[in-house]
Amino acid sequence: MTVRKYEALYIINPTLEEEAIKGLVERFSNLIVEQGGQVEKVDEWGKRRLAYEIQDFKEGYYVLMNFSAEPSVPQELERVFKITDGIIRYLIVKEEK
């Protein structure tokens, strides 16, 4: 099994309460650890204006997360992003060496 480095940027619904936002950030970090990955850095950018409107939102709460894991972990993370209420957009990329 090969461990690779990934970067996940996700945008949370800005109308959620601070507690709910913290809960989501924690949930995704925990998911990676539970799957055998390692979270290297979680950078909360906070509320930012979106380049274009998404689901009637003009702004979102941005979070950038760097982690290393086996290829199955980002797939699971993506699955969870898709079914999680409160996630407006997400992008997971493999970092090149």
PDB file of N, CA and C in Angstrom:
ATOM      1  N   MET A   1       0.840  -1.199   0.000  1.00  0.00           N
ATOM      2  CA  MET A   1       0.000   0.000   0.000  1.00  0.00           C
ATOM      3  C   MET A   1       0.877   1.252   0.000  1.00  0.00           C
ATOM      4  N   THR A   2       0.486   2.188  -0.821  1.00  0.00           N
ATOM      5  CA  THR A   2       1.258   3.422  -0.884  1.00  0.00           C
ATOM      6  C   THR A   2       0.512   4.555  -0.203  1.00  0.00           C
ATOM      7  N   VAL A   3       1.254   5.273   0.609  1.00  0.00           N
ATOM      8  CA  VAL A   3       0.678   6.436   1.270  1.00  0.00           C
ATOM      9  C   VAL A   3       1.023   7.649   0.421  1.00  0.00           C
ATOM     10  N   ARG A   4      -0.001   8.411   0.097  1.00  0.00           N
ATOM     11  CA  ARG A   4       0.196   9.599  -0.725  1.00  0.00           C
ATOM     12  C   ARG A   4      -0.265  10.833   0.039  1.00  0.00           C
ATOM     13  N   LYS A   5       0.198  11.990  -0.424  1.00  0.00           N
ATOM     14  CA  LYS A   5      -0.213  13.254   0.184  1.00  0.00           C
ATOM     15  C   LYS A   5      -1.382  13.832  -0.608  1.00  0.00           C
ATOM     16  N   TYR A   6      -2.363  14.340   0.132  1.00  0.00           N
ATOM     17  CA  TYR A   6      -3.550  14.919  -0.491  1.00  0.00           C
ATOM     18  C   TYR A   6      -3.854  16.281   0.117  1.00  0.00           C
ATOM     19  N   GLU A   7      -4.626  17.027  -0.645  1.00  0.00           N
ATOM     20  CA  GLU A   7      -5.102  18.317  -0.162  1.00  0.00           C
ATOM     21  C   GLU A   7      -6.603  18.336  -0.433  1.00  0.00           C
ATOM     22  N   ALA A   8      -7.375  18.651   0.585  1.00  0.00           N
ATOM     23  CA  ALA A   8      -8.831  18.739   0.418  1.00  0.00           C
ATOM     24  C   ALA A   8      -9.261  20.148   0.784  1.00  0.00           C
ATOM     25  N   LEU A   9      -9.969  20.782  -0.127  1.00  0.00           N
ATOM     26  CA  LEU A   9     -10.543  22.093   0.146  1.00  0.00           C
ATOM     27  C   LEU A   9     -12.047  21.916   0.113  1.00  0.00           C
ATOM     28  N   TYR A  10     -12.704  22.292   1.191  1.00  0.00           N
ATOM     29  CA  TYR A  10     -14.153  22.180   1.179  1.00  0.00           C
ATOM     30  C   TYR A  10     -14.793  23.465   1.706  1.00  0.00           C
ATOM     31  N   ILE A  11     -16.004  23.707   1.227  1.00  0.00           N
ATOM     32  CA  ILE A  11     -16.730  24.925   1.582  1.00  0.00           C
ATOM     33  C   ILE A  11     -18.001  24.517   2.321  1.00  0.00           C
ATOM     34  N   ILE A  12     -18.130  25.065   3.522  1.00  0.00           N
ATOM     35  CA  ILE A  12     -19.273  24.750   4.389  1.00  0.00           C
ATOM     36  C   ILE A  12     -20.303  25.870   4.291  1.00  0.00           C
ATOM     37  N   ASN A  13     -21.559  25.483   4.402  1.00  0.00           N
ATOM     38  CA  ASN A  13     -22.671  26.430   4.431  1.00  0.00           C
ATOM     39  C   ASN A  13     -22.389  27.519   5.479  1.00  0.00           C
ATOM     40  N   PRO A  14     -22.344  28.795   5.068  1.00  0.00           N
ATOM     41  CA  PRO A  14     -21.981  29.878   5.989  1.00  0.00           C
ATOM     42  C   PRO A  14     -23.055  30.207   7.020  1.00  0.00           C
ATOM     43  N   THR A  15     -24.278  29.692   6.837  1.00  0.00           N
ATOM     44  CA  THR A  15     -25.348  30.007   7.781  1.00  0.00           C
ATOM     45  C   THR A  15     -25.349  29.057   8.982  1.00  0.00           C
ATOM     46  N   LEU A  16     -24.501  28.036   8.951  1.00  0.00           N
ATOM     47  CA  LEU A  16     -24.417  27.110  10.082  1.00  0.00           C
ATOM     48  C   LEU A  16     -23.807  27.818  11.289  1.00  0.00           C
ATOM     49  N   GLU A  17     -24.175  27.363  12.475  1.00  0.00           N
ATOM     50  CA  GLU A  17     -23.606  27.934  13.687  1.00  0.00           C
ATOM     51  C   GLU A  17     -22.167  27.492  13.830  1.00  0.00           C
ATOM     52  N   GLU A  18     -21.405  28.259  14.601  1.00  0.00           N
ATOM     53  CA  GLU A  18     -19.987  27.976  14.792  1.00  0.00           C
ATOM     54  C   GLU A  18     -19.754  26.547  15.289  1.00  0.00           C
ATOM     55  N   GLU A  19     -20.612  26.110  16.220  1.00  0.00           N
ATOM     56  CA  GLU A  19     -20.510  24.755  16.771  1.00  0.00           C
ATOM     57  C   GLU A  19     -20.633  23.704  15.668  1.00  0.00           C
ATOM     58  N   ALA A  20     -21.593  23.907  14.770  1.00  0.00           N
ATOM     59  CA  ALA A  20     -21.840  22.954  13.683  1.00  0.00           C
ATOM     60  C   ALA A  20     -20.655  22.915  12.725  1.00  0.00           C
ATOM     61  N   ILE A  21     -20.094  24.085  12.442  1.00  0.00           N
ATOM     62  CA  ILE A  21     -18.930  24.165  11.554  1.00  0.00           C
ATOM     63  C   ILE A  21     -17.747  23.430  12.178  1.00  0.00           C
ATOM     64  N   LYS A  22     -17.494  23.703  13.453  1.00  0.00           N
ATOM     65  CA  LYS A  22     -16.395  23.025  14.165  1.00  0.00           C
ATOM     66  C   LYS A  22     -16.619  21.505  14.139  1.00  0.00           C
ATOM     67  N   GLY A  23     -17.866  21.098  14.329  1.00  0.00           N
ATOM     68  CA  GLY A  23     -18.209  19.685  14.325  1.00  0.00           C
ATOM     69  C   GLY A  23     -17.894  19.020  12.993  1.00  0.00           C
ATOM     70  N   LEU A  24     -18.208  19.713  11.887  1.00  0.00           N
ATOM     71  CA  LEU A  24     -17.922  19.159  10.562  1.00  0.00           C
ATOM     72  C   LEU A  24     -16.418  19.055  10.326  1.00  0.00           C
ATOM     73  N   VAL A  25     -15.683  20.105  10.678  1.00  0.00           N
ATOM     74  CA  VAL A  25     -14.226  20.109  10.500  1.00  0.00           C
ATOM     75  C   VAL A  25     -13.611  18.938  11.277  1.00  0.00           C
ATOM     76  N   GLU A  26     -14.083  18.754  12.502  1.00  0.00           N
ATOM     77  CA  GLU A  26     -13.595  17.670  13.351  1.00  0.00           C
ATOM     78  C   GLU A  26     -13.964  16.307  12.756  1.00  0.00           C
ATOM     79  N   ARG A  27     -15.187  16.217  12.270  1.00  0.00           N
ATOM     80  CA  ARG A  27     -15.686  14.957  11.706  1.00  0.00           C
ATOM     81  C   ARG A  27     -14.825  14.487  10.527  1.00  0.00           C
ATOM     82  N   PHE A  28     -14.465  15.412   9.639  1.00  0.00           N
ATOM     83  CA  PHE A  28     -13.673  15.028   8.468  1.00  0.00           C
ATOM     84  C   PHE A  28     -12.243  14.671   8.858  1.00  0.00           C
ATOM     85  N   SER A  29     -11.687  15.383   9.831  1.00  0.00           N
ATOM     86  CA  SER A  29     -10.340  15.057  10.317  1.00  0.00           C
ATOM     87  C   SER A  29     -10.342  13.673  10.958  1.00  0.00           C
ATOM     88  N   ASN A  30     -11.357  13.415  11.788  1.00  0.00           N
ATOM     89  CA  ASN A  30     -11.469  12.113  12.459  1.00  0.00           C
ATOM     90  C   ASN A  30     -11.645  10.974  11.457  1.00  0.00           C
ATOM     91  N   LEU A  31     -12.414  11.241  10.407  1.00  0.00           N
ATOM     92  CA  LEU A  31     -12.658  10.230   9.382  1.00  0.00           C
ATOM     93  C   LEU A  31     -11.334   9.763   8.772  1.00  0.00           C
ATOM     94  N   ILE A  32     -10.454  10.706   8.474  1.00  0.00           N
ATOM     95  CA  ILE A  32      -9.158  10.371   7.875  1.00  0.00           C
ATOM     96  C   ILE A  32      -8.329   9.522   8.834  1.00  0.00           C
ATOM     97  N   VAL A  33      -8.302   9.926  10.106  1.00  0.00           N
ATOM     98  CA  VAL A  33      -7.528   9.190  11.110  1.00  0.00           C
ATOM     99  C   VAL A  33      -8.098   7.778  11.297  1.00  0.00           C
ATOM    100  N   GLU A  34      -9.429   7.670  11.363  1.00  0.00           N
ATOM    101  CA  GLU A  34     -10.074   6.361  11.529  1.00  0.00           C
ATOM    102  C   GLU A  34      -9.766   5.418  10.364  1.00  0.00           C
ATOM    103  N   GLN A  35      -9.576   5.998   9.184  1.00  0.00           N
ATOM    104  CA  GLN A  35      -9.287   5.197   7.984  1.00  0.00           C
ATOM    105  C   GLN A  35      -7.793   4.879   7.864  1.00  0.00           C
ATOM    106  N   GLY A  36      -7.017   5.293   8.860  1.00  0.00           N
ATOM    107  CA  GLY A  36      -5.589   4.987   8.852  1.00  0.00           C
ATOM    108  C   GLY A  36      -4.720   6.070   8.232  1.00  0.00           C
ATOM    109  N   GLY A  37      -5.313   7.204   7.950  1.00  0.00           N
ATOM    110  CA  GLY A  37      -4.557   8.315   7.380  1.00  0.00           C
ATOM    111  C   GLY A  37      -4.017   9.219   8.475  1.00  0.00           C
ATOM    112  N   GLN A  38      -3.317  10.259   8.054  1.00  0.00           N
ATOM    113  CA  GLN A  38      -2.746  11.188   9.016  1.00  0.00           C
ATOM    114  C   GLN A  38      -3.021  12.618   8.548  1.00  0.00           C
ATOM    115  N   VAL A  39      -3.687  13.393   9.392  1.00  0.00           N
ATOM    116  CA  VAL A  39      -3.974  14.789   9.067  1.00  0.00           C
ATOM    117  C   VAL A  39      -2.744  15.613   9.435  1.00  0.00           C
ATOM    118  N   GLU A  40      -2.199  16.293   8.436  1.00  0.00           N
ATOM    119  CA  GLU A  40      -1.000  17.092   8.694  1.00  0.00           C
ATOM    120  C   GLU A  40      -1.336  18.514   9.093  1.00  0.00           C
ATOM    121  N   LYS A  41      -2.392  19.065   8.468  1.00  0.00           N
ATOM    122  CA  LYS A  41      -2.712  20.463   8.749  1.00  0.00           C
ATOM    123  C   LYS A  41      -4.164  20.744   8.384  1.00  0.00           C
ATOM    124  N   VAL A  42      -4.854  21.469   9.243  1.00  0.00           N
ATOM    125  CA  VAL A  42      -6.205  21.935   8.937  1.00  0.00           C
ATOM    126  C   VAL A  42      -6.166  23.455   9.043  1.00  0.00           C
ATOM    127  N   ASP A  43      -6.430  24.102   7.926  1.00  0.00           N
ATOM    128  CA  ASP A  43      -6.342  25.560   7.860  1.00  0.00           C
ATOM    129  C   ASP A  43      -7.737  26.115   7.589  1.00  0.00           C
ATOM    130  N   GLU A  44      -8.339  26.706   8.607  1.00  0.00           N
ATOM    131  CA  GLU A  44      -9.675  27.282   8.430  1.00  0.00           C
ATOM    132  C   GLU A  44      -9.529  28.717   7.938  1.00  0.00           C
ATOM    133  N   TRP A  45      -9.950  28.938   6.695  1.00  0.00           N
ATOM    134  CA  TRP A  45      -9.854  30.278   6.112  1.00  0.00           C
ATOM    135  C   TRP A  45     -11.021  31.161   6.553  1.00  0.00           C
ATOM    136  N   GLY A  46     -12.064  30.548   7.045  1.00  0.00           N
ATOM    137  CA  GLY A  46     -13.223  31.314   7.487  1.00  0.00           C
ATOM    138  C   GLY A  46     -14.147  31.676   6.334  1.00  0.00           C
ATOM    139  N   LYS A  47     -15.039  32.632   6.586  1.00  0.00           N
ATOM    140  CA  LYS A  47     -16.009  33.019   5.562  1.00  0.00           C
ATOM    141  C   LYS A  47     -15.341  33.847   4.477  1.00  0.00           C
ATOM    142  N   ARG A  48     -15.610  33.450   3.253  1.00  0.00           N
ATOM    143  CA  ARG A  48     -15.084  34.158   2.084  1.00  0.00           C
ATOM    144  C   ARG A  48     -16.191  34.259   1.049  1.00  0.00           C
ATOM    145  N   ARG A  49     -16.070  35.252   0.219  1.00  0.00           N
ATOM    146  CA  ARG A  49     -17.022  35.427  -0.871  1.00  0.00           C
ATOM    147  C   ARG A  49     -16.751  34.371  -1.941  1.00  0.00           C
ATOM    148  N   LEU A  50     -17.805  33.754  -2.457  1.00  0.00           N
ATOM    149  CA  LEU A  50     -17.661  32.761  -3.523  1.00  0.00           C
ATOM    150  C   LEU A  50     -17.465  33.477  -4.865  1.00  0.00           C
ATOM    151  N   ALA A  51     -16.739  32.856  -5.758  1.00  0.00           N
ATOM    152  CA  ALA A  51     -16.515  33.433  -7.089  1.00  0.00           C
ATOM    153  C   ALA A  51     -17.846  33.549  -7.844  1.00  0.00           C
ATOM    154  N   TYR A  52     -18.742  32.601  -7.605  1.00  0.00           N
ATOM    155  CA  TYR A  52     -20.081  32.636  -8.191  1.00  0.00           C
ATOM    156  C   TYR A  52     -21.036  31.980  -7.206  1.00  0.00           C
ATOM    157  N   GLU A  53     -22.311  32.267  -7.375  1.00  0.00           N
ATOM    158  CA  GLU A  53     -23.303  31.757  -6.449  1.00  0.00           C
ATOM    159  C   GLU A  53     -23.443  30.237  -6.572  1.00  0.00           C
ATOM    160  N   ILE A  54     -23.448  29.550  -5.434  1.00  0.00           N
ATOM    161  CA  ILE A  54     -23.644  28.103  -5.411  1.00  0.00           C
ATOM    162  C   ILE A  54     -24.797  27.823  -4.448  1.00  0.00           C
ATOM    163  N   GLN A  55     -25.817  27.135  -4.932  1.00  0.00           N
ATOM    164  CA  GLN A  55     -26.999  26.812  -4.108  1.00  0.00           C
ATOM    165  C   GLN A  55     -27.535  28.052  -3.384  1.00  0.00           C
ATOM    166  N   ASP A  56     -27.601  29.164  -4.077  1.00  0.00           N
ATOM    167  CA  ASP A  56     -28.089  30.442  -3.540  1.00  0.00           C
ATOM    168  C   ASP A  56     -27.192  31.061  -2.477  1.00  0.00           C
ATOM    169  N   PHE A  57     -25.970  30.561  -2.317  1.00  0.00           N
ATOM    170  CA  PHE A  57     -25.034  31.155  -1.355  1.00  0.00           C
ATOM    171  C   PHE A  57     -24.072  32.071  -2.089  1.00  0.00           C
ATOM    172  N   LYS A  58     -23.803  33.227  -1.479  1.00  0.00           N
ATOM    173  CA  LYS A  58     -22.844  34.160  -2.052  1.00  0.00           C
ATOM    174  C   LYS A  58     -21.492  34.050  -1.348  1.00  0.00           C
ATOM    175  N   GLU A  59     -21.517  33.432  -0.162  1.00  0.00           N
ATOM    176  CA  GLU A  59     -20.256  33.201   0.547  1.00  0.00           C
ATOM    177  C   GLU A  59     -20.280  31.821   1.187  1.00  0.00           C
ATOM    178  N   GLY A  60     -19.109  31.369   1.609  1.00  0.00           N
ATOM    179  CA  GLY A  60     -19.003  30.058   2.238  1.00  0.00           C
ATOM    180  C   GLY A  60     -17.874  30.058   3.243  1.00  0.00           C
ATOM    181  N   TYR A  61     -17.853  29.042   4.088  1.00  0.00           N
ATOM    182  CA  TYR A  61     -16.800  28.893   5.094  1.00  0.00           C
ATOM    183  C   TYR A  61     -15.778  27.903   4.541  1.00  0.00           C
ATOM    184  N   TYR A  62     -14.599  28.420   4.217  1.00  0.00           N
ATOM    185  CA  TYR A  62     -13.573  27.616   3.555  1.00  0.00           C
ATOM    186  C   TYR A  62     -12.670  26.903   4.558  1.00  0.00           C
ATOM    187  N   VAL A  63     -12.360  25.633   4.264  1.00  0.00           N
ATOM    188  CA  VAL A  63     -11.412  24.865   5.078  1.00  0.00           C
ATOM    189  C   VAL A  63     -10.469  24.116   4.143  1.00  0.00           C
ATOM    190  N   LEU A  64      -9.161  24.281   4.393  1.00  0.00           N
ATOM    191  CA  LEU A  64      -8.149  23.570   3.624  1.00  0.00           C
ATOM    192  C   LEU A  64      -7.505  22.538   4.542  1.00  0.00           C
ATOM    193  N   MET A  65      -7.463  21.289   4.088  1.00  0.00           N
ATOM    194  CA  MET A  65      -6.918  20.220   4.925  1.00  0.00           C
ATOM    195  C   MET A  65      -5.861  19.450   4.137  1.00  0.00           C
ATOM    196  N   ASN A  66      -4.689  19.314   4.724  1.00  0.00           N
ATOM    197  CA  ASN A  66      -3.626  18.507   4.115  1.00  0.00           C
ATOM    198  C   ASN A  66      -3.519  17.209   4.898  1.00  0.00           C
ATOM    199  N   PHE A  67      -3.456  16.106   4.172  1.00  0.00           N
ATOM    200  CA  PHE A  67      -3.347  14.820   4.852  1.00  0.00           C
ATOM    201  C   PHE A  67      -2.605  13.814   3.986  1.00  0.00           C
ATOM    202  N   SER A  68      -2.103  12.771   4.631  1.00  0.00           N
ATOM    203  CA  SER A  68      -1.484  11.680   3.879  1.00  0.00           C
ATOM    204  C   SER A  68      -2.236  10.402   4.225  1.00  0.00           C
ATOM    205  N   ALA A  69      -2.485   9.598   3.190  1.00  0.00           N
ATOM    206  CA  ALA A  69      -3.284   8.398   3.380  1.00  0.00           C
ATOM    207  C   ALA A  69      -3.162   7.490   2.165  1.00  0.00           C
ATOM    208  N   GLU A  70      -3.737   6.305   2.294  1.00  0.00           N
ATOM    209  CA  GLU A  70      -3.813   5.396   1.159  1.00  0.00           C
ATOM    210  C   GLU A  70      -4.922   5.879   0.229  1.00  0.00           C
ATOM    211  N   PRO A  71      -4.863   5.500  -1.056  1.00  0.00           N
ATOM    212  CA  PRO A  71      -5.836   5.994  -2.045  1.00  0.00           C
ATOM    213  C   PRO A  71      -7.308   5.759  -1.712  1.00  0.00           C
ATOM    214  N   SER A  72      -7.615   4.778  -0.851  1.00  0.00           N
ATOM    215  CA  SER A  72      -9.018   4.510  -0.520  1.00  0.00           C
ATOM    216  C   SER A  72      -9.601   5.602   0.383  1.00  0.00           C
ATOM    217  N   VAL A  73      -8.748   6.299   1.125  1.00  0.00           N
ATOM    218  CA  VAL A  73      -9.226   7.292   2.099  1.00  0.00           C
ATOM    219  C   VAL A  73      -9.873   8.512   1.427  1.00  0.00           C
ATOM    220  N   PRO A  74      -9.223   9.127   0.423  1.00  0.00           N
ATOM    221  CA  PRO A  74      -9.902  10.253  -0.234  1.00  0.00           C
ATOM    222  C   PRO A  74     -11.213   9.852  -0.909  1.00  0.00           C
ATOM    223  N   GLN A  75     -11.302   8.605  -1.362  1.00  0.00           N
ATOM    224  CA  GLN A  75     -12.562   8.133  -1.957  1.00  0.00           C
ATOM    225  C   GLN A  75     -13.668   8.121  -0.913  1.00  0.00           C
ATOM    226  N   GLU A  76     -13.333   7.636   0.271  1.00  0.00           N
ATOM    227  CA  GLU A  76     -14.308   7.599   1.367  1.00  0.00           C
ATOM    228  C   GLU A  76     -14.669   9.019   1.796  1.00  0.00           C
ATOM    229  N   LEU A  77     -13.661   9.889   1.860  1.00  0.00           N
ATOM    230  CA  LEU A  77     -13.888  11.282   2.237  1.00  0.00           C
ATOM    231  C   LEU A  77     -14.842  11.950   1.244  1.00  0.00           C
ATOM    232  N   GLU A  78     -14.619  11.688  -0.031  1.00  0.00           N
ATOM    233  CA  GLU A  78     -15.484  12.253  -1.074  1.00  0.00           C
ATOM    234  C   GLU A  78     -16.917  11.754  -0.923  1.00  0.00           C
ATOM    235  N   ARG A  79     -17.066  10.464  -0.624  1.00  0.00           N
ATOM    236  CA  ARG A  79     -18.397   9.885  -0.425  1.00  0.00           C
ATOM    237  C   ARG A  79     -19.117  10.598   0.719  1.00  0.00           C
ATOM    238  N   VAL A  80     -18.375  10.846   1.806  1.00  0.00           N
ATOM    239  CA  VAL A  80     -18.970  11.500   2.972  1.00  0.00           C
ATOM    240  C   VAL A  80     -19.288  12.974   2.665  1.00  0.00           C
ATOM    241  N   PHE A  81     -18.399  13.657   1.927  1.00  0.00           N
ATOM    242  CA  PHE A  81     -18.686  15.040   1.522  1.00  0.00           C
ATOM    243  C   PHE A  81     -20.013  15.103   0.763  1.00  0.00           C
ATOM    244  N   LYS A  82     -20.214  14.151  -0.151  1.00  0.00           N
ATOM    245  CA  LYS A  82     -21.412  14.143  -1.002  1.00  0.00           C
ATOM    246  C   LYS A  82     -22.695  14.012  -0.199  1.00  0.00           C
ATOM    247  N   ILE A  83     -22.661  13.222   0.880  1.00  0.00           N
ATOM    248  CA  ILE A  83     -23.895  12.966   1.630  1.00  0.00           C
ATOM    249  C   ILE A  83     -24.044  13.860   2.862  1.00  0.00           C
ATOM    250  N   THR A  84     -23.095  14.771   3.069  1.00  0.00           N
ATOM    251  CA  THR A  84     -23.157  15.622   4.251  1.00  0.00           C
ATOM    252  C   THR A  84     -23.887  16.927   3.943  1.00  0.00           C
ATOM    253  N   ASP A  85     -24.970  17.163   4.692  1.00  0.00           N
ATOM    254  CA  ASP A  85     -25.652  18.457   4.575  1.00  0.00           C
ATOM    255  C   ASP A  85     -24.704  19.517   5.085  1.00  0.00           C
ATOM    256  N   GLY A  86     -24.676  20.649   4.437  1.00  0.00           N
ATOM    257  CA  GLY A  86     -23.812  21.724   4.909  1.00  0.00           C
ATOM    258  C   GLY A  86     -22.541  21.861   4.095  1.00  0.00           C
ATOM    259  N   ILE A  87     -22.234  20.877   3.252  1.00  0.00           N
ATOM    260  CA  ILE A  87     -21.077  21.010   2.369  1.00  0.00           C
ATOM    261  C   ILE A  87     -21.576  21.533   1.027  1.00  0.00           C
ATOM    262  N   ILE A  88     -21.083  22.708   0.650  1.00  0.00           N
ATOM    263  CA  ILE A  88     -21.519  23.337  -0.601  1.00  0.00           C
ATOM    264  C   ILE A  88     -20.684  22.809  -1.769  1.00  0.00           C
ATOM    265  N   ARG A  89     -19.366  22.759  -1.575  1.00  0.00           N
ATOM    266  CA  ARG A  89     -18.434  22.302  -2.608  1.00  0.00           C
ATOM    267  C   ARG A  89     -17.221  21.670  -1.939  1.00  0.00           C
ATOM    268  N   TYR A  90     -16.555  20.796  -2.669  1.00  0.00           N
ATOM    269  CA  TYR A  90     -15.313  20.226  -2.155  1.00  0.00           C
ATOM    270  C   TYR A  90     -14.411  19.874  -3.345  1.00  0.00           C
ATOM    271  N   LEU A  91     -13.128  19.777  -3.065  1.00  0.00           N
ATOM    272  CA  LEU A  91     -12.162  19.365  -4.075  1.00  0.00           C
ATOM    273  C   LEU A  91     -11.047  18.633  -3.352  1.00  0.00           C
ATOM    274  N   ILE A  92     -10.727  17.441  -3.818  1.00  0.00           N
ATOM    275  CA  ILE A  92      -9.624  16.676  -3.229  1.00  0.00           C
ATOM    276  C   ILE A  92      -8.601  16.452  -4.336  1.00  0.00           C
ATOM    277  N   VAL A  93      -7.377  16.867  -4.097  1.00  0.00           N
ATOM    278  CA  VAL A  93      -6.330  16.663  -5.097  1.00  0.00           C
ATOM    279  C   VAL A  93      -5.141  15.940  -4.480  1.00  0.00           C
ATOM    280  N   LYS A  94      -4.495  15.129  -5.310  1.00  0.00           N
ATOM    281  CA  LYS A  94      -3.281  14.446  -4.882  1.00  0.00           C
ATOM    282  C   LYS A  94      -2.131  15.406  -5.110  1.00  0.00           C
ATOM    283  N   GLU A  95      -1.300  15.586  -4.098  1.00  0.00           N
ATOM    284  CA  GLU A  95      -0.166  16.488  -4.262  1.00  0.00           C
ATOM    285  C   GLU A  95       0.941  15.785  -5.024  1.00  0.00           C
ATOM    286  N   GLU A  96       1.488  16.481  -5.999  1.00  0.00           N
ATOM    287  CA  GLU A  96       2.597  15.922  -6.779  1.00  0.00           C
ATOM    288  C   GLU A  96       3.880  16.029  -5.963  1.00  0.00           C
ATOM    289  N   LYS A  97       4.789  15.101  -6.203  1.00  0.00           N
ATOM    290  CA  LYS A  97       6.053  15.121  -5.452  1.00  0.00           C
ATOM    291  C   LYS A  97       6.960  16.226  -5.938  1.00  0.00           C
TER     292      LYS A  97
END
